[in-house]
Amino acid sequence: METLFISPYVKQTVMRRIKMIWFIRRVLPLLLLETTAVWFAVQNIAEHVFVNNVLQNAVVHTFSRSPVMIIEFFFRAFLNTETLVQLFILASLVVGTFIARDALRTIRNFSPLSRVI
């Protein structure tokens, strides 16, 4: 019985192509969809909220007392917004979490350490 020997260069090239095809078919459409969803949410938030004023108020009202109070400020600011804006903010956070998860999976799959782990 004859053993088939594949050179490391050919094996690496084939695996790189397989991973690229996997990325284009599985990950890229999800990333595009998630990026579009975040863009839509951020665009709508920008129409309803003056982000510059919120940040300016956060600095003025919190850093004069304690920098830790900035968390409370943003929580109260979130609660005092319209329901639609709250939904857009929550949607962008959820989709942003999915993007981070997909990005970490992609990095892990393309990492040279992926063969070790």
PDB file of N, CA and C in Angstrom:
ATOM      1  N   MET A   1       0.839  -1.166   0.000  1.00  0.00           N
ATOM      2  CA  MET A   1       0.000   0.000   0.000  1.00  0.00           C
ATOM      3  C   MET A   1       0.891   1.238   0.000  1.00  0.00           C
ATOM      4  N   GLU A   2       0.560   2.171  -0.832  1.00  0.00           N
ATOM      5  CA  GLU A   2       1.373   3.363  -1.001  1.00  0.00           C
ATOM      6  C   GLU A   2       0.787   4.512  -0.178  1.00  0.00           C
ATOM      7  N   THR A   3       1.660   5.233   0.529  1.00  0.00           N
ATOM      8  CA  THR A   3       1.230   6.358   1.348  1.00  0.00           C
ATOM      9  C   THR A   3       1.355   7.640   0.537  1.00  0.00           C
ATOM     10  N   LEU A   4       0.323   8.437   0.588  1.00  0.00           N
ATOM     11  CA  LEU A   4       0.319   9.707  -0.137  1.00  0.00           C
ATOM     12  C   LEU A   4       0.977  10.772   0.724  1.00  0.00           C
ATOM     13  N   PHE A   5       1.983  11.432   0.177  1.00  0.00           N
ATOM     14  CA  PHE A   5       2.685  12.483   0.910  1.00  0.00           C
ATOM     15  C   PHE A   5       2.296  13.835   0.332  1.00  0.00           C
ATOM     16  N   ILE A   6       1.820  14.711   1.202  1.00  0.00           N
ATOM     17  CA  ILE A   6       1.450  16.063   0.789  1.00  0.00           C
ATOM     18  C   ILE A   6       2.441  17.018   1.434  1.00  0.00           C
ATOM     19  N   SER A   7       3.019  17.862   0.616  1.00  0.00           N
ATOM     20  CA  SER A   7       4.009  18.796   1.156  1.00  0.00           C
ATOM     21  C   SER A   7       3.319  19.786   2.105  1.00  0.00           C
ATOM     22  N   PRO A   8       4.062  20.261   3.098  1.00  0.00           N
ATOM     23  CA  PRO A   8       3.475  21.218   4.042  1.00  0.00           C
ATOM     24  C   PRO A   8       2.988  22.497   3.352  1.00  0.00           C
ATOM     25  N   TYR A   9       3.672  22.935   2.306  1.00  0.00           N
ATOM     26  CA  TYR A   9       3.261  24.143   1.593  1.00  0.00           C
ATOM     27  C   TYR A   9       1.901  23.949   0.926  1.00  0.00           C
ATOM     28  N   VAL A  10       1.708  22.802   0.273  1.00  0.00           N
ATOM     29  CA  VAL A  10       0.431  22.525  -0.392  1.00  0.00           C
ATOM     30  C   VAL A  10      -0.677  22.399   0.648  1.00  0.00           C
ATOM     31  N   LYS A  11      -0.383  21.693   1.732  1.00  0.00           N
ATOM     32  CA  LYS A  11      -1.368  21.530   2.797  1.00  0.00           C
ATOM     33  C   LYS A  11      -1.767  22.889   3.379  1.00  0.00           C
ATOM     34  N   GLN A  12      -0.793  23.757   3.618  1.00  0.00           N
ATOM     35  CA  GLN A  12      -1.073  25.084   4.166  1.00  0.00           C
ATOM     36  C   GLN A  12      -1.896  25.911   3.181  1.00  0.00           C
ATOM     37  N   THR A  13      -1.573  25.838   1.893  1.00  0.00           N
ATOM     38  CA  THR A  13      -2.312  26.584   0.876  1.00  0.00           C
ATOM     39  C   THR A  13      -3.758  26.100   0.786  1.00  0.00           C
ATOM     40  N   VAL A  14      -3.949  24.797   0.801  1.00  0.00           N
ATOM     41  CA  VAL A  14      -5.301  24.236   0.730  1.00  0.00           C
ATOM     42  C   VAL A  14      -6.111  24.627   1.965  1.00  0.00           C
ATOM     43  N   MET A  15      -5.491  24.524   3.140  1.00  0.00           N
ATOM     44  CA  MET A  15      -6.208  24.885   4.372  1.00  0.00           C
ATOM     45  C   MET A  15      -6.555  26.373   4.385  1.00  0.00           C
ATOM     46  N   ARG A  16      -5.662  27.216   3.889  1.00  0.00           N
ATOM     47  CA  ARG A  16      -5.941  28.649   3.830  1.00  0.00           C
ATOM     48  C   ARG A  16      -7.147  28.918   2.920  1.00  0.00           C
ATOM     49  N   ARG A  17      -7.214  28.221   1.800  1.00  0.00           N
ATOM     50  CA  ARG A  17      -8.363  28.393   0.889  1.00  0.00           C
ATOM     51  C   ARG A  17      -9.650  27.882   1.521  1.00  0.00           C
ATOM     52  N   ILE A  18      -9.574  26.778   2.206  1.00  0.00           N
ATOM     53  CA  ILE A  18     -10.761  26.228   2.868  1.00  0.00           C
ATOM     54  C   ILE A  18     -11.272  27.203   3.929  1.00  0.00           C
ATOM     55  N   LYS A  19     -10.359  27.758   4.703  1.00  0.00           N
ATOM     56  CA  LYS A  19     -10.764  28.716   5.733  1.00  0.00           C
ATOM     57  C   LYS A  19     -11.322  29.989   5.112  1.00  0.00           C
ATOM     58  N   MET A  20     -10.773  30.417   3.995  1.00  0.00           N
ATOM     59  CA  MET A  20     -11.274  31.617   3.320  1.00  0.00           C
ATOM     60  C   MET A  20     -12.681  31.376   2.784  1.00  0.00           C
ATOM     61  N   ILE A  21     -12.911  30.218   2.194  1.00  0.00           N
ATOM     62  CA  ILE A  21     -14.250  29.878   1.697  1.00  0.00           C
ATOM     63  C   ILE A  21     -15.233  29.817   2.864  1.00  0.00           C
ATOM     64  N   TRP A  22     -14.814  29.205   3.974  1.00  0.00           N
ATOM     65  CA  TRP A  22     -15.664  29.145   5.157  1.00  0.00           C
ATOM     66  C   TRP A  22     -16.004  30.554   5.635  1.00  0.00           C
ATOM     67  N   PHE A  23     -15.012  31.434   5.673  1.00  0.00           N
ATOM     68  CA  PHE A  23     -15.236  32.800   6.123  1.00  0.00           C
ATOM     69  C   PHE A  23     -16.221  33.518   5.209  1.00  0.00           C
ATOM     70  N   ILE A  24     -16.041  33.397   3.906  1.00  0.00           N
ATOM     71  CA  ILE A  24     -16.908  34.094   2.947  1.00  0.00           C
ATOM     72  C   ILE A  24     -18.335  33.559   2.998  1.00  0.00           C
ATOM     73  N   ARG A  25     -18.488  32.267   3.168  1.00  0.00           N
ATOM     74  CA  ARG A  25     -19.840  31.682   3.170  1.00  0.00           C
ATOM     75  C   ARG A  25     -20.561  31.809   4.505  1.00  0.00           C
ATOM     76  N   ARG A  26     -19.834  31.652   5.604  1.00  0.00           N
ATOM     77  CA  ARG A  26     -20.494  31.585   6.898  1.00  0.00           C
ATOM     78  C   ARG A  26     -20.428  32.871   7.712  1.00  0.00           C
ATOM     79  N   VAL A  27     -19.287  33.521   7.741  1.00  0.00           N
ATOM     80  CA  VAL A  27     -19.080  34.638   8.655  1.00  0.00           C
ATOM     81  C   VAL A  27     -19.378  35.976   7.990  1.00  0.00           C
ATOM     82  N   LEU A  28     -18.917  36.169   6.787  1.00  0.00           N
ATOM     83  CA  LEU A  28     -19.068  37.469   6.131  1.00  0.00           C
ATOM     84  C   LEU A  28     -20.529  37.918   6.012  1.00  0.00           C
ATOM     85  N   PRO A  29     -21.471  37.056   5.603  1.00  0.00           N
ATOM     86  CA  PRO A  29     -22.871  37.514   5.569  1.00  0.00           C
ATOM     87  C   PRO A  29     -23.393  37.938   6.940  1.00  0.00           C
ATOM     88  N   LEU A  30     -23.015  37.198   7.991  1.00  0.00           N
ATOM     89  CA  LEU A  30     -23.445  37.577   9.337  1.00  0.00           C
ATOM     90  C   LEU A  30     -22.844  38.915   9.748  1.00  0.00           C
ATOM     91  N   LEU A  31     -21.567  39.105   9.472  1.00  0.00           N
ATOM     92  CA  LEU A  31     -20.933  40.373   9.824  1.00  0.00           C
ATOM     93  C   LEU A  31     -21.570  41.534   9.077  1.00  0.00           C
ATOM     94  N   LEU A  32     -21.876  41.339   7.809  1.00  0.00           N
ATOM     95  CA  LEU A  32     -22.523  42.402   7.042  1.00  0.00           C
ATOM     96  C   LEU A  32     -23.909  42.712   7.594  1.00  0.00           C
ATOM     97  N   LEU A  33     -24.670  41.691   7.913  1.00  0.00           N
ATOM     98  CA  LEU A  33     -26.010  41.891   8.474  1.00  0.00           C
ATOM     99  C   LEU A  33     -25.933  42.591   9.836  1.00  0.00           C
ATOM    100  N   GLU A  34     -25.029  42.134  10.678  1.00  0.00           N
ATOM    101  CA  GLU A  34     -24.899  42.739  12.000  1.00  0.00           C
ATOM    102  C   GLU A  34     -24.397  44.179  11.904  1.00  0.00           C
ATOM    103  N   THR A  35     -23.454  44.430  11.013  1.00  0.00           N
ATOM    104  CA  THR A  35     -22.945  45.790  10.840  1.00  0.00           C
ATOM    105  C   THR A  35     -24.039  46.712  10.329  1.00  0.00           C
ATOM    106  N   THR A  36     -24.856  46.232   9.418  1.00  0.00           N
ATOM    107  CA  THR A  36     -25.975  47.026   8.907  1.00  0.00           C
ATOM    108  C   THR A  36     -26.971  47.326  10.024  1.00  0.00           C
ATOM    109  N   ALA A  37     -27.238  46.345  10.867  1.00  0.00           N
ATOM    110  CA  ALA A  37     -28.170  46.551  11.977  1.00  0.00           C
ATOM    111  C   ALA A  37     -27.631  47.586  12.963  1.00  0.00           C
ATOM    112  N   VAL A  38     -26.345  47.511  13.278  1.00  0.00           N
ATOM    113  CA  VAL A  38     -25.757  48.505  14.185  1.00  0.00           C
ATOM    114  C   VAL A  38     -25.784  49.883  13.540  1.00  0.00           C
ATOM    115  N   TRP A  39     -25.451  49.966  12.265  1.00  0.00           N
ATOM    116  CA  TRP A  39     -25.472  51.252  11.566  1.00  0.00           C
ATOM    117  C   TRP A  39     -26.873  51.856  11.609  1.00  0.00           C
ATOM    118  N   PHE A  40     -27.893  51.039  11.359  1.00  0.00           N
ATOM    119  CA  PHE A  40     -29.278  51.511  11.397  1.00  0.00           C
ATOM    120  C   PHE A  40     -29.644  52.020  12.787  1.00  0.00           C
ATOM    121  N   ALA A  41     -29.264  51.262  13.816  1.00  0.00           N
ATOM    122  CA  ALA A  41     -29.589  51.670  15.194  1.00  0.00           C
ATOM    123  C   ALA A  41     -28.858  52.957  15.566  1.00  0.00           C
ATOM    124  N   VAL A  42     -27.592  53.041  15.233  1.00  0.00           N
ATOM    125  CA  VAL A  42     -26.812  54.237  15.574  1.00  0.00           C
ATOM    126  C   VAL A  42     -27.329  55.448  14.807  1.00  0.00           C
ATOM    127  N   GLN A  43     -27.702  55.243  13.553  1.00  0.00           N
ATOM    128  CA  GLN A  43     -28.248  56.340  12.747  1.00  0.00           C
ATOM    129  C   GLN A  43     -29.525  56.889  13.388  1.00  0.00           C
ATOM    130  N   ASN A  44     -30.388  56.007  13.856  1.00  0.00           N
ATOM    131  CA  ASN A  44     -31.632  56.440  14.491  1.00  0.00           C
ATOM    132  C   ASN A  44     -31.397  57.064  15.863  1.00  0.00           C
ATOM    133  N   ILE A  45     -30.428  56.544  16.600  1.00  0.00           N
ATOM    134  CA  ILE A  45     -30.087  57.158  17.882  1.00  0.00           C
ATOM    135  C   ILE A  45     -29.581  58.576  17.652  1.00  0.00           C
ATOM    136  N   ALA A  46     -28.756  58.747  16.627  1.00  0.00           N
ATOM    137  CA  ALA A  46     -28.191  60.070  16.340  1.00  0.00           C
ATOM    138  C   ALA A  46     -29.270  61.080  15.947  1.00  0.00           C
ATOM    139  N   GLU A  47     -30.350  60.604  15.342  1.00  0.00           N
ATOM    140  CA  GLU A  47     -31.446  61.503  14.980  1.00  0.00           C
ATOM    141  C   GLU A  47     -32.235  61.974  16.201  1.00  0.00           C
ATOM    142  N   HIS A  48     -32.290  61.153  17.245  1.00  0.00           N
ATOM    143  CA  HIS A  48     -33.119  61.461  18.411  1.00  0.00           C
ATOM    144  C   HIS A  48     -32.343  61.995  19.610  1.00  0.00           C
ATOM    145  N   VAL A  49     -31.050  61.744  19.660  1.00  0.00           N
ATOM    146  CA  VAL A  49     -30.261  62.110  20.830  1.00  0.00           C
ATOM    147  C   VAL A  49     -29.084  62.976  20.383  1.00  0.00           C
ATOM    148  N   PHE A  50     -28.854  64.047  21.107  1.00  0.00           N
ATOM    149  CA  PHE A  50     -27.684  64.877  20.856  1.00  0.00           C
ATOM    150  C   PHE A  50     -26.549  64.297  21.699  1.00  0.00           C
ATOM    151  N   VAL A  51     -25.794  63.394  21.103  1.00  0.00           N
ATOM    152  CA  VAL A  51     -24.759  62.652  21.827  1.00  0.00           C
ATOM    153  C   VAL A  51     -23.721  63.608  22.414  1.00  0.00           C
ATOM    154  N   ASN A  52     -23.390  64.651  21.677  1.00  0.00           N
ATOM    155  CA  ASN A  52     -22.406  65.620  22.168  1.00  0.00           C
ATOM    156  C   ASN A  52     -22.873  66.260  23.472  1.00  0.00           C
ATOM    157  N   ASN A  53     -24.148  66.635  23.541  1.00  0.00           N
ATOM    158  CA  ASN A  53     -24.686  67.238  24.765  1.00  0.00           C
ATOM    159  C   ASN A  53     -24.701  66.241  25.924  1.00  0.00           C
ATOM    160  N   VAL A  54     -25.035  65.001  25.637  1.00  0.00           N
ATOM    161  CA  VAL A  54     -25.059  63.978  26.690  1.00  0.00           C
ATOM    162  C   VAL A  54     -23.661  63.797  27.267  1.00  0.00           C
ATOM    163  N   LEU A  55     -22.656  63.685  26.398  1.00  0.00           N
ATOM    164  CA  LEU A  55     -21.283  63.512  26.873  1.00  0.00           C
ATOM    165  C   LEU A  55     -20.802  64.743  27.638  1.00  0.00           C
ATOM    166  N   GLN A  56     -21.153  65.906  27.147  1.00  0.00           N
ATOM    167  CA  GLN A  56     -20.757  67.141  27.825  1.00  0.00           C
ATOM    168  C   GLN A  56     -21.385  67.207  29.222  1.00  0.00           C
ATOM    169  N   ASN A  57     -22.655  66.884  29.319  1.00  0.00           N
ATOM    170  CA  ASN A  57     -23.318  66.873  30.630  1.00  0.00           C
ATOM    171  C   ASN A  57     -22.726  65.806  31.552  1.00  0.00           C
ATOM    172  N   ALA A  58     -22.365  64.680  30.979  1.00  0.00           N
ATOM    173  CA  ALA A  58     -21.763  63.612  31.792  1.00  0.00           C
ATOM    174  C   ALA A  58     -20.465  64.083  32.419  1.00  0.00           C
ATOM    175  N   VAL A  59     -19.654  64.756  31.651  1.00  0.00           N
ATOM    176  CA  VAL A  59     -18.378  65.247  32.182  1.00  0.00           C
ATOM    177  C   VAL A  59     -18.610  66.319  33.242  1.00  0.00           C
ATOM    178  N   VAL A  60     -19.488  67.252  32.962  1.00  0.00           N
ATOM    179  CA  VAL A  60     -19.727  68.361  33.892  1.00  0.00           C
ATOM    180  C   VAL A  60     -20.334  67.874  35.202  1.00  0.00           C
ATOM    181  N   HIS A  61     -21.321  67.004  35.129  1.00  0.00           N
ATOM    182  CA  HIS A  61     -22.060  66.611  36.328  1.00  0.00           C
ATOM    183  C   HIS A  61     -21.414  65.486  37.119  1.00  0.00           C
ATOM    184  N   THR A  62     -20.575  64.687  36.499  1.00  0.00           N
ATOM    185  CA  THR A  62     -20.040  63.541  37.240  1.00  0.00           C
ATOM    186  C   THR A  62     -18.610  63.738  37.695  1.00  0.00           C
ATOM    187  N   PHE A  63     -17.772  64.266  36.848  1.00  0.00           N
ATOM    188  CA  PHE A  63     -16.366  64.400  37.237  1.00  0.00           C
ATOM    189  C   PHE A  63     -16.156  65.470  38.296  1.00  0.00           C
ATOM    190  N   SER A  64     -17.115  66.378  38.443  1.00  0.00           N
ATOM    191  CA  SER A  64     -16.983  67.363  39.520  1.00  0.00           C
ATOM    192  C   SER A  64     -17.186  66.700  40.883  1.00  0.00           C
ATOM    193  N   ARG A  65     -17.945  65.605  40.919  1.00  0.00           N
ATOM    194  CA  ARG A  65     -18.173  64.893  42.175  1.00  0.00           C
ATOM    195  C   ARG A  65     -17.277  63.662  42.277  1.00  0.00           C
ATOM    196  N   SER A  66     -17.533  62.707  41.393  1.00  0.00           N
ATOM    197  CA  SER A  66     -16.767  61.466  41.416  1.00  0.00           C
ATOM    198  C   SER A  66     -16.824  60.837  40.016  1.00  0.00           C
ATOM    199  N   PRO A  67     -15.695  60.406  39.482  1.00  0.00           N
ATOM    200  CA  PRO A  67     -15.709  59.785  38.164  1.00  0.00           C
ATOM    201  C   PRO A  67     -16.532  58.494  38.112  1.00  0.00           C
ATOM    202  N   VAL A  68     -16.728  57.855  39.248  1.00  0.00           N
ATOM    203  CA  VAL A  68     -17.503  56.614  39.291  1.00  0.00           C
ATOM    204  C   VAL A  68     -18.982  56.886  39.025  1.00  0.00           C
ATOM    205  N   MET A  69     -19.431  58.104  39.303  1.00  0.00           N
ATOM    206  CA  MET A  69     -20.848  58.439  39.131  1.00  0.00           C
ATOM    207  C   MET A  69     -21.260  58.511  37.659  1.00  0.00           C
ATOM    208  N   ILE A  70     -20.306  58.392  36.754  1.00  0.00           N
ATOM    209  CA  ILE A  70     -20.650  58.452  35.335  1.00  0.00           C
ATOM    210  C   ILE A  70     -21.550  57.277  34.953  1.00  0.00           C
ATOM    211  N   ILE A  71     -21.387  56.147  35.626  1.00  0.00           N
ATOM    212  CA  ILE A  71     -22.245  54.980  35.354  1.00  0.00           C
ATOM    213  C   ILE A  71     -23.693  55.303  35.724  1.00  0.00           C
ATOM    214  N   GLU A  72     -23.880  55.901  36.888  1.00  0.00           N
ATOM    215  CA  GLU A  72     -25.224  56.285  37.313  1.00  0.00           C
ATOM    216  C   GLU A  72     -25.821  57.323  36.366  1.00  0.00           C
ATOM    217  N   PHE A  73     -24.985  58.268  35.917  1.00  0.00           N
ATOM    218  CA  PHE A  73     -25.465  59.299  34.999  1.00  0.00           C
ATOM    219  C   PHE A  73     -25.994  58.680  33.711  1.00  0.00           C
ATOM    220  N   PHE A  74     -25.214  57.775  33.117  1.00  0.00           N
ATOM    221  CA  PHE A  74     -25.652  57.170  31.862  1.00  0.00           C
ATOM    222  C   PHE A  74     -26.875  56.272  32.067  1.00  0.00           C
ATOM    223  N   PHE A  75     -26.955  55.609  33.211  1.00  0.00           N
ATOM    224  CA  PHE A  75     -28.132  54.784  33.499  1.00  0.00           C
ATOM    225  C   PHE A  75     -29.380  55.655  33.609  1.00  0.00           C
ATOM    226  N   ARG A  76     -29.278  56.771  34.333  1.00  0.00           N
ATOM    227  CA  ARG A  76     -30.426  57.678  34.466  1.00  0.00           C
ATOM    228  C   ARG A  76     -30.761  58.347  33.127  1.00  0.00           C
ATOM    229  N   ALA A  77     -29.744  58.696  32.356  1.00  0.00           N
ATOM    230  CA  ALA A  77     -29.983  59.287  31.041  1.00  0.00           C
ATOM    231  C   ALA A  77     -30.704  58.283  30.138  1.00  0.00           C
ATOM    232  N   PHE A  78     -30.305  57.008  30.232  1.00  0.00           N
ATOM    233  CA  PHE A  78     -30.967  55.969  29.446  1.00  0.00           C
ATOM    234  C   PHE A  78     -32.432  55.829  29.856  1.00  0.00           C
ATOM    235  N   LEU A  79     -32.702  55.844  31.148  1.00  0.00           N
ATOM    236  CA  LEU A  79     -34.080  55.698  31.629  1.00  0.00           C
ATOM    237  C   LEU A  79     -34.959  56.892  31.249  1.00  0.00           C
ATOM    238  N   ASN A  80     -34.361  58.067  31.067  1.00  0.00           N
ATOM    239  CA  ASN A  80     -35.135  59.266  30.753  1.00  0.00           C
ATOM    240  C   ASN A  80     -35.289  59.517  29.255  1.00  0.00           C
ATOM    241  N   THR A  81     -34.861  58.588  28.426  1.00  0.00           N
ATOM    242  CA  THR A  81     -35.035  58.749  26.979  1.00  0.00           C
ATOM    243  C   THR A  81     -36.355  58.133  26.542  1.00  0.00           C
ATOM    244  N   GLU A  82     -36.700  58.378  25.302  1.00  0.00           N
ATOM    245  CA  GLU A  82     -37.917  57.788  24.732  1.00  0.00           C
ATOM    246  C   GLU A  82     -37.746  56.275  24.610  1.00  0.00           C
ATOM    247  N   THR A  83     -38.868  55.575  24.585  1.00  0.00           N
ATOM    248  CA  THR A  83     -38.842  54.121  24.480  1.00  0.00           C
ATOM    249  C   THR A  83     -38.184  53.670  23.178  1.00  0.00           C
ATOM    250  N   LEU A  84     -38.446  54.380  22.096  1.00  0.00           N
ATOM    251  CA  LEU A  84     -37.850  54.016  20.818  1.00  0.00           C
ATOM    252  C   LEU A  84     -36.324  54.115  20.870  1.00  0.00           C
ATOM    253  N   VAL A  85     -35.818  55.147  21.490  1.00  0.00           N
ATOM    254  CA  VAL A  85     -34.364  55.316  21.619  1.00  0.00           C
ATOM    255  C   VAL A  85     -33.781  54.220  22.507  1.00  0.00           C
ATOM    256  N   GLN A  86     -34.485  53.868  23.570  1.00  0.00           N
ATOM    257  CA  GLN A  86     -34.025  52.781  24.429  1.00  0.00           C
ATOM    258  C   GLN A  86     -33.936  51.472  23.644  1.00  0.00           C
ATOM    259  N   LEU A  87     -34.940  51.220  22.809  1.00  0.00           N
ATOM    260  CA  LEU A  87     -34.913  50.002  21.986  1.00  0.00           C
ATOM    261  C   LEU A  87     -33.743  50.016  21.015  1.00  0.00           C
ATOM    262  N   PHE A  88     -33.475  51.162  20.393  1.00  0.00           N
ATOM    263  CA  PHE A  88     -32.344  51.256  19.470  1.00  0.00           C
ATOM    264  C   PHE A  88     -31.017  51.051  20.200  1.00  0.00           C
ATOM    265  N   ILE A  89     -30.890  51.597  21.389  1.00  0.00           N
ATOM    266  CA  ILE A  89     -29.662  51.429  22.165  1.00  0.00           C
ATOM    267  C   ILE A  89     -29.475  49.959  22.547  1.00  0.00           C
ATOM    268  N   LEU A  90     -30.536  49.334  23.023  1.00  0.00           N
ATOM    269  CA  LEU A  90     -30.446  47.918  23.393  1.00  0.00           C
ATOM    270  C   LEU A  90     -30.149  47.050  22.179  1.00  0.00           C
ATOM    271  N   ALA A  91     -30.779  47.368  21.051  1.00  0.00           N
ATOM    272  CA  ALA A  91     -30.529  46.597  19.827  1.00  0.00           C
ATOM    273  C   ALA A  91     -29.077  46.728  19.392  1.00  0.00           C
ATOM    274  N   SER A  92     -28.545  47.943  19.455  1.00  0.00           N
ATOM    275  CA  SER A  92     -27.149  48.117  19.043  1.00  0.00           C
ATOM    276  C   SER A  92     -26.198  47.394  19.999  1.00  0.00           C
ATOM    277  N   LEU A  93     -26.521  47.354  21.291  1.00  0.00           N
ATOM    278  CA  LEU A  93     -25.683  46.625  22.238  1.00  0.00           C
ATOM    279  C   LEU A  93     -25.722  45.121  21.981  1.00  0.00           C
ATOM    280  N   VAL A  94     -26.912  44.598  21.705  1.00  0.00           N
ATOM    281  CA  VAL A  94     -27.046  43.164  21.442  1.00  0.00           C
ATOM    282  C   VAL A  94     -26.305  42.789  20.155  1.00  0.00           C
ATOM    283  N   VAL A  95     -26.522  43.560  19.113  1.00  0.00           N
ATOM    284  CA  VAL A  95     -25.867  43.252  17.845  1.00  0.00           C
ATOM    285  C   VAL A  95     -24.353  43.465  17.963  1.00  0.00           C
ATOM    286  N   GLY A  96     -23.936  44.475  18.713  1.00  0.00           N
ATOM    287  CA  GLY A  96     -22.510  44.679  18.947  1.00  0.00           C
ATOM    288  C   GLY A  96     -21.879  43.490  19.667  1.00  0.00           C
ATOM    289  N   THR A  97     -22.619  42.890  20.583  1.00  0.00           N
ATOM    290  CA  THR A  97     -22.142  41.687  21.262  1.00  0.00           C
ATOM    291  C   THR A  97     -21.985  40.538  20.275  1.00  0.00           C
ATOM    292  N   PHE A  98     -22.947  40.383  19.365  1.00  0.00           N
ATOM    293  CA  PHE A  98     -22.838  39.342  18.352  1.00  0.00           C
ATOM    294  C   PHE A  98     -21.644  39.573  17.430  1.00  0.00           C
ATOM    295  N   ILE A  99     -21.400  40.829  17.071  1.00  0.00           N
ATOM    296  CA  ILE A  99     -20.248  41.146  16.220  1.00  0.00           C
ATOM    297  C   ILE A  99     -18.953  40.791  16.940  1.00  0.00           C
ATOM    298  N   ALA A 100     -18.862  41.135  18.210  1.00  0.00           N
ATOM    299  CA  ALA A 100     -17.660  40.802  18.982  1.00  0.00           C
ATOM    300  C   ALA A 100     -17.471  39.291  19.057  1.00  0.00           C
ATOM    301  N   ARG A 101     -18.565  38.556  19.283  1.00  0.00           N
ATOM    302  CA  ARG A 101     -18.485  37.098  19.336  1.00  0.00           C
ATOM    303  C   ARG A 101     -18.001  36.525  18.013  1.00  0.00           C
ATOM    304  N   ASP A 102     -18.570  36.997  16.906  1.00  0.00           N
ATOM    305  CA  ASP A 102     -18.162  36.507  15.592  1.00  0.00           C
ATOM    306  C   ASP A 102     -16.716  36.878  15.275  1.00  0.00           C
ATOM    307  N   ALA A 103     -16.321  38.080  15.671  1.00  0.00           N
ATOM    308  CA  ALA A 103     -14.938  38.494  15.425  1.00  0.00           C
ATOM    309  C   ALA A 103     -13.965  37.615  16.205  1.00  0.00           C
ATOM    310  N   LEU A 104     -14.294  37.307  17.455  1.00  0.00           N
ATOM    311  CA  LEU A 104     -13.420  36.436  18.254  1.00  0.00           C
ATOM    312  C   LEU A 104     -13.358  35.030  17.673  1.00  0.00           C
ATOM    313  N   ARG A 105     -14.479  34.518  17.189  1.00  0.00           N
ATOM    314  CA  ARG A 105     -14.482  33.200  16.556  1.00  0.00           C
ATOM    315  C   ARG A 105     -13.612  33.198  15.303  1.00  0.00           C
ATOM    316  N   THR A 106     -13.711  34.253  14.529  1.00  0.00           N
ATOM    317  CA  THR A 106     -12.919  34.337  13.302  1.00  0.00           C
ATOM    318  C   THR A 106     -11.434  34.416  13.625  1.00  0.00           C
ATOM    319  N   ILE A 107     -11.094  35.238  14.602  1.00  0.00           N
ATOM    320  CA  ILE A 107      -9.684  35.349  15.001  1.00  0.00           C
ATOM    321  C   ILE A 107      -9.174  34.006  15.500  1.00  0.00           C
ATOM    322  N   ARG A 108      -9.989  33.319  16.287  1.00  0.00           N
ATOM    323  CA  ARG A 108      -9.586  32.021  16.808  1.00  0.00           C
ATOM    324  C   ARG A 108      -9.394  31.009  15.678  1.00  0.00           C
ATOM    325  N   ASN A 109     -10.263  31.032  14.670  1.00  0.00           N
ATOM    326  CA  ASN A 109     -10.149  30.073  13.566  1.00  0.00           C
ATOM    327  C   ASN A 109      -8.977  30.372  12.639  1.00  0.00           C
ATOM    328  N   PHE A 110      -8.593  31.625  12.503  1.00  0.00           N
ATOM    329  CA  PHE A 110      -7.501  31.993  11.614  1.00  0.00           C
ATOM    330  C   PHE A 110      -6.169  32.093  12.351  1.00  0.00           C
ATOM    331  N   SER A 111      -6.194  31.910  13.653  1.00  0.00           N
ATOM    332  CA  SER A 111      -4.976  32.032  14.444  1.00  0.00           C
ATOM    333  C   SER A 111      -4.080  30.822  14.221  1.00  0.00           C
ATOM    334  N   PRO A 112      -2.750  31.021  14.226  1.00  0.00           N
ATOM    335  CA  PRO A 112      -1.845  29.888  14.116  1.00  0.00           C
ATOM    336  C   PRO A 112      -1.957  28.958  15.310  1.00  0.00           C
ATOM    337  N   LEU A 113      -2.448  29.466  16.430  1.00  0.00           N
ATOM    338  CA  LEU A 113      -2.614  28.632  17.614  1.00  0.00           C
ATOM    339  C   LEU A 113      -3.848  27.757  17.552  1.00  0.00           C
ATOM    340  N   SER A 114      -4.691  27.931  16.532  1.00  0.00           N
ATOM    341  CA  SER A 114      -5.934  27.161  16.454  1.00  0.00           C
ATOM    342  C   SER A 114      -5.642  25.676  16.283  1.00  0.00           C
ATOM    343  N   ARG A 115      -4.495  25.331  15.738  1.00  0.00           N
ATOM    344  CA  ARG A 115      -4.130  23.910  15.597  1.00  0.00           C
ATOM    345  C   ARG A 115      -3.729  23.324  16.936  1.00  0.00           C
ATOM    346  N   VAL A 116      -3.271  24.180  17.841  1.00  0.00           N
ATOM    347  CA  VAL A 116      -2.809  23.708  19.137  1.00  0.00           C
ATOM    348  C   VAL A 116      -3.976  23.542  20.094  1.00  0.00           C
ATOM    349  N   ILE A 117      -4.913  24.467  20.052  1.00  0.00           N
ATOM    350  CA  ILE A 117      -6.024  24.492  21.002  1.00  0.00           C
ATOM    351  C   ILE A 117      -7.093  23.486  20.636  1.00  0.00           C
TER     352      ILE A 117
END
